[in-house]
């Protein structure tokens, strides 16, 4: 179930941050 939390821009920024963090983890390996 989708729960809307914060504005759409905030959710987008959070998603980008999560992907960026995951990407860094893969690079650092």
PDB file of N, CA and C in Angstrom:
ATOM      1  N   UNK A   1       0.845  -1.194   0.000  1.00  0.00           N
ATOM      2  CA  UNK A   1       0.000   0.000   0.000  1.00  0.00           C
ATOM      3  C   UNK A   1       0.882   1.245   0.000  1.00  0.00           C
ATOM      4  N   UNK A   2       0.605   2.157  -0.937  1.00  0.00           N
ATOM      5  CA  UNK A   2       1.411   3.359  -1.059  1.00  0.00           C
ATOM      6  C   UNK A   2       0.968   4.403  -0.050  1.00  0.00           C
ATOM      7  N   UNK A   3       1.903   4.876   0.745  1.00  0.00           N
ATOM      8  CA  UNK A   3       1.591   5.941   1.701  1.00  0.00           C
ATOM      9  C   UNK A   3       2.335   7.196   1.262  1.00  0.00           C
ATOM     10  N   UNK A   4       1.584   8.244   0.946  1.00  0.00           N
ATOM     11  CA  UNK A   4       2.215   9.484   0.500  1.00  0.00           C
ATOM     12  C   UNK A   4       2.828  10.204   1.691  1.00  0.00           C
ATOM     13  N   UNK A   5       4.104  10.507   1.588  1.00  0.00           N
ATOM     14  CA  UNK A   5       4.805  11.170   2.685  1.00  0.00           C
ATOM     15  C   UNK A   5       5.629  12.321   2.118  1.00  0.00           C
ATOM     16  N   UNK A   6       5.276  13.535   2.464  1.00  0.00           N
ATOM     17  CA  UNK A   6       5.993  14.690   1.959  1.00  0.00           C
ATOM     18  C   UNK A   6       5.540  15.039   0.555  1.00  0.00           C
ATOM     19  N   UNK A   7       6.234  15.993  -0.059  1.00  0.00           N
ATOM     20  CA  UNK A   7       5.861  16.421  -1.402  1.00  0.00           C
ATOM     21  C   UNK A   7       6.462  15.492  -2.443  1.00  0.00           C
ATOM     22  N   UNK A   8       5.990  15.622  -3.666  1.00  0.00           N
ATOM     23  CA  UNK A   8       6.489  14.775  -4.737  1.00  0.00           C
ATOM     24  C   UNK A   8       7.977  15.026  -4.972  1.00  0.00           C
ATOM     25  N   UNK A   9       8.394  16.293  -4.858  1.00  0.00           N
ATOM     26  CA  UNK A   9       9.808  16.630  -5.051  1.00  0.00           C
ATOM     27  C   UNK A   9      10.669  15.980  -3.979  1.00  0.00           C
ATOM     28  N   UNK A  10      10.168  15.972  -2.746  1.00  0.00           N
ATOM     29  CA  UNK A  10      10.932  15.373  -1.655  1.00  0.00           C
ATOM     30  C   UNK A  10      11.094  13.873  -1.881  1.00  0.00           C
ATOM     31  N   UNK A  11      10.018  13.214  -2.335  1.00  0.00           N
ATOM     32  CA  UNK A  11      10.077  11.787  -2.595  1.00  0.00           C
ATOM     33  C   UNK A  11      11.071  11.499  -3.711  1.00  0.00           C
ATOM     34  N   UNK A  12      11.071  12.350  -4.749  1.00  0.00           N
ATOM     35  CA  UNK A  12      11.987  12.150  -5.865  1.00  0.00           C
ATOM     36  C   UNK A  12      13.433  12.303  -5.397  1.00  0.00           C
ATOM     37  N   UNK A  13      13.690  13.318  -4.588  1.00  0.00           N
ATOM     38  CA  UNK A  13      15.044  13.554  -4.086  1.00  0.00           C
ATOM     39  C   UNK A  13      15.486  12.380  -3.227  1.00  0.00           C
ATOM     40  N   UNK A  14      14.571  11.844  -2.423  1.00  0.00           N
ATOM     41  CA  UNK A  14      14.893  10.709  -1.565  1.00  0.00           C
ATOM     42  C   UNK A  14      15.227   9.490  -2.406  1.00  0.00           C
ATOM     43  N   UNK A  15      14.462   9.265  -3.471  1.00  0.00           N
ATOM     44  CA  UNK A  15      14.699   8.127  -4.357  1.00  0.00           C
ATOM     45  C   UNK A  15      16.057   8.258  -5.026  1.00  0.00           C
ATOM     46  N   UNK A  16      16.374   9.474  -5.501  1.00  0.00           N
ATOM     47  CA  UNK A  16      17.667   9.707  -6.155  1.00  0.00           C
ATOM     48  C   UNK A  16      18.796   9.443  -5.174  1.00  0.00           C
ATOM     49  N   UNK A  17      18.629   9.903  -3.939  1.00  0.00           N
ATOM     50  CA  UNK A  17      19.662   9.705  -2.917  1.00  0.00           C
ATOM     51  C   UNK A  17      19.875   8.221  -2.661  1.00  0.00           C
ATOM     52  N   UNK A  18      18.785   7.454  -2.591  1.00  0.00           N
ATOM     53  CA  UNK A  18      18.899   6.016  -2.336  1.00  0.00           C
ATOM     54  C   UNK A  18      19.632   5.330  -3.480  1.00  0.00           C
ATOM     55  N   UNK A  19      19.305   5.697  -4.725  1.00  0.00           N
ATOM     56  CA  UNK A  19      19.973   5.082  -5.874  1.00  0.00           C
ATOM     57  C   UNK A  19      21.447   5.465  -5.888  1.00  0.00           C
ATOM     58  N   UNK A  20      21.750   6.727  -5.571  1.00  0.00           N
ATOM     59  CA  UNK A  20      23.125   7.212  -5.574  1.00  0.00           C
ATOM     60  C   UNK A  20      23.939   6.481  -4.510  1.00  0.00           C
ATOM     61  N   UNK A  21      23.333   6.292  -3.322  1.00  0.00           N
ATOM     62  CA  UNK A  21      24.018   5.589  -2.239  1.00  0.00           C
ATOM     63  C   UNK A  21      24.305   4.147  -2.634  1.00  0.00           C
ATOM     64  N   UNK A  22      23.325   3.499  -3.269  1.00  0.00           N
ATOM     65  CA  UNK A  22      23.499   2.115  -3.704  1.00  0.00           C
ATOM     66  C   UNK A  22      24.605   2.041  -4.744  1.00  0.00           C
ATOM     67  N   UNK A  23      24.662   3.037  -5.619  1.00  0.00           N
ATOM     68  CA  UNK A  23      25.671   3.066  -6.670  1.00  0.00           C
ATOM     69  C   UNK A  23      27.061   3.190  -6.049  1.00  0.00           C
ATOM     70  N   UNK A  24      27.200   4.051  -5.050  1.00  0.00           N
ATOM     71  CA  UNK A  24      28.489   4.219  -4.381  1.00  0.00           C
ATOM     72  C   UNK A  24      28.916   2.915  -3.711  1.00  0.00           C
ATOM     73  N   UNK A  25      27.969   2.222  -3.110  1.00  0.00           N
ATOM     74  CA  UNK A  25      28.291   0.952  -2.446  1.00  0.00           C
ATOM     75  C   UNK A  25      28.810  -0.054  -3.454  1.00  0.00           C
ATOM     76  N   UNK A  26      28.219  -0.067  -4.657  1.00  0.00           N
ATOM     77  CA  UNK A  26      28.664  -1.001  -5.688  1.00  0.00           C
ATOM     78  C   UNK A  26      30.065  -0.642  -6.166  1.00  0.00           C
ATOM     79  N   UNK A  27      30.334   0.659  -6.303  1.00  0.00           N
ATOM     80  CA  UNK A  27      31.656   1.102  -6.759  1.00  0.00           C
ATOM     81  C   UNK A  27      32.721   0.752  -5.720  1.00  0.00           C
ATOM     82  N   UNK A  28      32.421   1.006  -4.451  1.00  0.00           N
ATOM     83  CA  UNK A  28      33.379   0.710  -3.380  1.00  0.00           C
ATOM     84  C   UNK A  28      33.569  -0.795  -3.231  1.00  0.00           C
ATOM     85  N   UNK A  29      32.494  -1.543  -3.554  1.00  0.00           N
ATOM     86  CA  UNK A  29      32.532  -2.986  -3.549  1.00  0.00           C
ATOM     87  C   UNK A  29      32.969  -3.585  -2.237  1.00  0.00           C
TER      88      UNK A  29
END
